[in-house]
Each structure stands twice: as structure tokens, then as C-alpha cells.
Amino acid sequence: MQKAYILHWGEMGTRWGINRTVAQIHALLYLSPRALPAEEIAATLSVARSNVSTSIRELEAGGLCGRCMCWATGGNIMSR
């Protein structure tokens, strides 16, 4: 069920003019009960780590997620 929601949110994001991966990461963080390291996000969504980094920056710029540790060095990312 979680996977279907994340995929659907990514599809909805594209219709709103948001990058699919950005929307999927947003959904994953929203559903997660804990902070997620970028490597786990990349593995869960089967996307490149660099794509996760770029997408997280976009979410941060939009105020949709924040950092609890420096994710660029393997820290955790936490949704608001």
C-alpha cells in the first residue's frame, strides 16, 4: 500500500509541475515514522543518490522538509 501511495504521489506531482522524484521523496518522508538517511531513500525509490540530494534541496527550499543532520555526509533527513 505504501509503495502504491508513493508512486501515485509522484504521478500527481508531475501533474502539478513537480518533479516525480521530488514528489516521491516527499511522500516517503511523509509516511516514514523516523528520519531517513539519503542512501535509504535512494535504495527504497531505486533512484541515484545524487538525484536524492538534488530533490532534498528542492524540498528544503520549498519548506517541505528539513535536516536534522548533514545529509550530504550520510546524516539523516527528516520531514516536517
N, C-alpha and C. Protein backbone atom coordinates (compact mmCIF):
# COMPACT_ATOMS: atom_id res chain seq x y z
N MET A 1 0.82 -1.19 0.00
CA MET A 1 0.00 0.00 0.00
C MET A 1 0.86 1.26 0.00
N GLN A 2 1.94 1.26 0.81
CA GLN A 2 2.84 2.41 0.87
C GLN A 2 3.48 2.68 -0.48
N LYS A 3 3.92 1.62 -1.15
CA LYS A 3 4.56 1.78 -2.45
C LYS A 3 3.59 2.39 -3.46
N ALA A 4 2.35 1.93 -3.46
CA ALA A 4 1.34 2.46 -4.38
C ALA A 4 1.09 3.94 -4.11
N TYR A 5 1.05 4.33 -2.83
CA TYR A 5 0.84 5.74 -2.47
C TYR A 5 1.99 6.59 -2.97
N ILE A 6 3.21 6.13 -2.77
CA ILE A 6 4.40 6.88 -3.19
C ILE A 6 4.41 7.04 -4.71
N LEU A 7 4.12 5.97 -5.43
CA LEU A 7 4.08 6.04 -6.88
C LEU A 7 2.98 6.98 -7.37
N HIS A 8 1.83 6.90 -6.73
CA HIS A 8 0.71 7.77 -7.11
C HIS A 8 1.03 9.24 -6.81
N TRP A 9 1.65 9.50 -5.67
CA TRP A 9 2.01 10.87 -5.31
C TRP A 9 3.03 11.43 -6.31
N GLY A 10 3.94 10.58 -6.77
CA GLY A 10 4.89 11.01 -7.81
C GLY A 10 4.18 11.38 -9.10
N GLU A 11 3.19 10.59 -9.48
CA GLU A 11 2.40 10.88 -10.68
C GLU A 11 1.61 12.17 -10.51
N MET A 12 1.02 12.35 -9.35
CA MET A 12 0.26 13.58 -9.08
C MET A 12 1.19 14.79 -9.13
N GLY A 13 2.38 14.63 -8.58
CA GLY A 13 3.36 15.72 -8.59
C GLY A 13 3.66 16.20 -9.99
N THR A 14 3.80 15.28 -10.92
CA THR A 14 4.10 15.68 -12.30
C THR A 14 2.96 16.50 -12.89
N ARG A 15 1.75 16.20 -12.48
CA ARG A 15 0.59 16.96 -12.96
C ARG A 15 0.53 18.36 -12.35
N TRP A 16 1.19 18.54 -11.20
CA TRP A 16 1.23 19.84 -10.54
C TRP A 16 2.49 20.61 -10.92
N GLY A 17 3.30 20.02 -11.80
CA GLY A 17 4.54 20.68 -12.22
C GLY A 17 5.72 20.43 -11.30
N ILE A 18 5.64 19.37 -10.51
CA ILE A 18 6.71 19.00 -9.59
C ILE A 18 7.40 17.75 -10.14
N ASN A 19 8.71 17.73 -10.05
CA ASN A 19 9.49 16.57 -10.48
C ASN A 19 8.98 15.31 -9.77
N ARG A 20 8.87 14.23 -10.52
CA ARG A 20 8.35 12.97 -9.99
C ARG A 20 9.14 12.48 -8.77
N THR A 21 10.46 12.50 -8.86
CA THR A 21 11.28 12.02 -7.76
C THR A 21 11.12 12.89 -6.52
N VAL A 22 11.03 14.19 -6.71
CA VAL A 22 10.82 15.12 -5.59
C VAL A 22 9.51 14.75 -4.88
N ALA A 23 8.46 14.54 -5.65
CA ALA A 23 7.16 14.19 -5.07
C ALA A 23 7.21 12.83 -4.37
N GLN A 24 7.91 11.87 -4.95
CA GLN A 24 8.01 10.55 -4.32
C GLN A 24 8.79 10.61 -3.01
N ILE A 25 9.86 11.40 -2.99
CA ILE A 25 10.62 11.55 -1.76
C ILE A 25 9.76 12.23 -0.70
N HIS A 26 9.01 13.23 -1.09
CA HIS A 26 8.11 13.91 -0.16
C HIS A 26 7.13 12.91 0.45
N ALA A 27 6.54 12.06 -0.38
CA ALA A 27 5.59 11.06 0.11
C ALA A 27 6.27 10.07 1.04
N LEU A 28 7.46 9.62 0.68
CA LEU A 28 8.19 8.66 1.51
C LEU A 28 8.49 9.26 2.88
N LEU A 29 8.97 10.50 2.90
CA LEU A 29 9.27 11.16 4.17
C LEU A 29 8.01 11.40 4.99
N TYR A 30 6.93 11.73 4.31
CA TYR A 30 5.66 11.96 5.00
C TYR A 30 5.18 10.69 5.70
N LEU A 31 5.34 9.56 5.04
CA LEU A 31 4.85 8.29 5.59
C LEU A 31 5.79 7.67 6.62
N SER A 32 7.04 8.06 6.60
CA SER A 32 8.02 7.43 7.48
C SER A 32 7.86 7.89 8.93
N PRO A 33 7.90 6.95 9.87
CA PRO A 33 7.80 7.32 11.28
C PRO A 33 9.12 7.82 11.86
N ARG A 34 10.19 7.81 11.04
CA ARG A 34 11.52 8.21 11.52
C ARG A 34 12.27 8.96 10.42
N ALA A 35 13.34 9.59 10.81
CA ALA A 35 14.21 10.24 9.84
C ALA A 35 14.83 9.16 8.95
N LEU A 36 15.07 9.49 7.69
CA LEU A 36 15.64 8.53 6.75
C LEU A 36 16.95 9.04 6.18
N PRO A 37 17.99 8.21 6.17
CA PRO A 37 19.23 8.62 5.51
C PRO A 37 19.03 8.63 3.99
N ALA A 38 19.76 9.49 3.32
CA ALA A 38 19.62 9.63 1.87
C ALA A 38 19.87 8.31 1.14
N GLU A 39 20.80 7.51 1.64
CA GLU A 39 21.09 6.23 0.99
C GLU A 39 19.87 5.31 1.03
N GLU A 40 19.14 5.34 2.13
CA GLU A 40 17.93 4.51 2.25
C GLU A 40 16.83 5.01 1.31
N ILE A 41 16.72 6.33 1.20
CA ILE A 41 15.74 6.90 0.27
C ILE A 41 16.06 6.46 -1.15
N ALA A 42 17.33 6.56 -1.52
CA ALA A 42 17.76 6.17 -2.87
C ALA A 42 17.46 4.70 -3.13
N ALA A 43 17.76 3.84 -2.17
CA ALA A 43 17.52 2.41 -2.35
C ALA A 43 16.03 2.09 -2.39
N THR A 44 15.25 2.73 -1.55
CA THR A 44 13.81 2.47 -1.50
C THR A 44 13.12 2.86 -2.80
N LEU A 45 13.54 4.00 -3.37
CA LEU A 45 12.90 4.50 -4.58
C LEU A 45 13.62 4.09 -5.86
N SER A 46 14.73 3.39 -5.72
CA SER A 46 15.54 2.96 -6.86
C SER A 46 15.94 4.15 -7.74
N VAL A 47 16.49 5.17 -7.09
CA VAL A 47 16.99 6.35 -7.79
C VAL A 47 18.42 6.60 -7.36
N ALA A 48 19.14 7.38 -8.15
CA ALA A 48 20.53 7.69 -7.84
C ALA A 48 20.62 8.57 -6.59
N ARG A 49 21.68 8.37 -5.81
CA ARG A 49 21.91 9.16 -4.60
C ARG A 49 21.99 10.64 -4.94
N SER A 50 22.61 10.97 -6.08
CA SER A 50 22.71 12.37 -6.49
C SER A 50 21.34 12.97 -6.77
N ASN A 51 20.43 12.17 -7.30
CA ASN A 51 19.06 12.62 -7.54
C ASN A 51 18.35 12.90 -6.21
N VAL A 52 18.62 12.08 -5.21
CA VAL A 52 18.04 12.30 -3.89
C VAL A 52 18.55 13.62 -3.32
N SER A 53 19.85 13.86 -3.43
CA SER A 53 20.44 15.10 -2.91
C SER A 53 19.80 16.33 -3.54
N THR A 54 19.67 16.31 -4.85
CA THR A 54 19.06 17.43 -5.57
C THR A 54 17.60 17.61 -5.16
N SER A 55 16.89 16.51 -5.07
CA SER A 55 15.46 16.56 -4.71
C SER A 55 15.26 17.07 -3.29
N ILE A 56 16.13 16.65 -2.37
CA ILE A 56 16.02 17.10 -0.99
C ILE A 56 16.26 18.61 -0.91
N ARG A 57 17.22 19.09 -1.66
CA ARG A 57 17.46 20.55 -1.69
C ARG A 57 16.22 21.29 -2.16
N GLU A 58 15.56 20.75 -3.18
CA GLU A 58 14.33 21.37 -3.68
C GLU A 58 13.22 21.35 -2.63
N LEU A 59 13.08 20.24 -1.93
CA LEU A 59 12.08 20.15 -0.86
C LEU A 59 12.40 21.12 0.27
N GLU A 60 13.68 21.22 0.63
CA GLU A 60 14.09 22.16 1.67
C GLU A 60 13.80 23.60 1.27
N ALA A 61 14.11 23.93 0.02
CA ALA A 61 13.88 25.29 -0.47
C ALA A 61 12.39 25.65 -0.41
N GLY A 62 11.55 24.66 -0.63
CA GLY A 62 10.11 24.88 -0.57
C GLY A 62 9.54 24.77 0.84
N GLY A 63 10.40 24.50 1.82
CA GLY A 63 9.95 24.38 3.20
C GLY A 63 9.20 23.09 3.49
N LEU A 64 9.40 22.07 2.66
CA LEU A 64 8.66 20.82 2.82
C LEU A 64 9.43 19.74 3.58
N CYS A 65 10.70 19.95 3.81
CA CYS A 65 11.46 19.04 4.66
C CYS A 65 12.64 19.80 5.22
N GLY A 66 13.17 19.29 6.30
CA GLY A 66 14.32 19.92 6.95
C GLY A 66 15.37 18.88 7.29
N ARG A 67 16.54 19.35 7.65
CA ARG A 67 17.62 18.44 8.01
C ARG A 67 17.74 18.34 9.52
N CYS A 68 18.00 17.14 10.01
CA CYS A 68 18.32 17.02 11.43
C CYS A 68 19.82 16.76 11.57
N MET A 69 20.48 16.36 10.47
CA MET A 69 21.93 16.21 10.40
C MET A 69 22.33 16.48 8.96
N CYS A 70 23.58 16.69 8.72
CA CYS A 70 24.05 16.98 7.37
C CYS A 70 23.93 15.74 6.49
N TRP A 71 22.92 15.71 5.64
CA TRP A 71 22.65 14.52 4.82
C TRP A 71 23.70 14.31 3.76
N ALA A 72 24.42 15.34 3.37
CA ALA A 72 25.45 15.20 2.33
C ALA A 72 26.56 14.26 2.79
N THR A 73 26.74 14.11 4.08
CA THR A 73 27.77 13.22 4.59
C THR A 73 27.17 11.96 5.20
N GLY A 74 25.94 11.66 4.81
CA GLY A 74 25.32 10.42 5.27
C GLY A 74 24.45 10.59 6.50
N GLY A 75 24.18 11.83 6.86
CA GLY A 75 23.31 12.08 8.02
C GLY A 75 21.87 11.75 7.69
N ASN A 76 20.99 12.07 8.58
CA ASN A 76 19.58 11.76 8.41
C ASN A 76 18.80 12.94 7.87
N ILE A 77 17.73 12.64 7.17
CA ILE A 77 16.83 13.64 6.65
C ILE A 77 15.49 13.41 7.33
N MET A 78 14.84 14.47 7.73
CA MET A 78 13.60 14.32 8.45
C MET A 78 12.54 15.21 7.84
N SER A 79 11.33 14.72 7.67
CA SER A 79 10.26 15.55 7.13
C SER A 79 9.67 16.39 8.26
N ARG A 80 9.06 17.49 7.88
CA ARG A 80 8.44 18.35 8.89
C ARG A 80 7.01 17.95 9.09
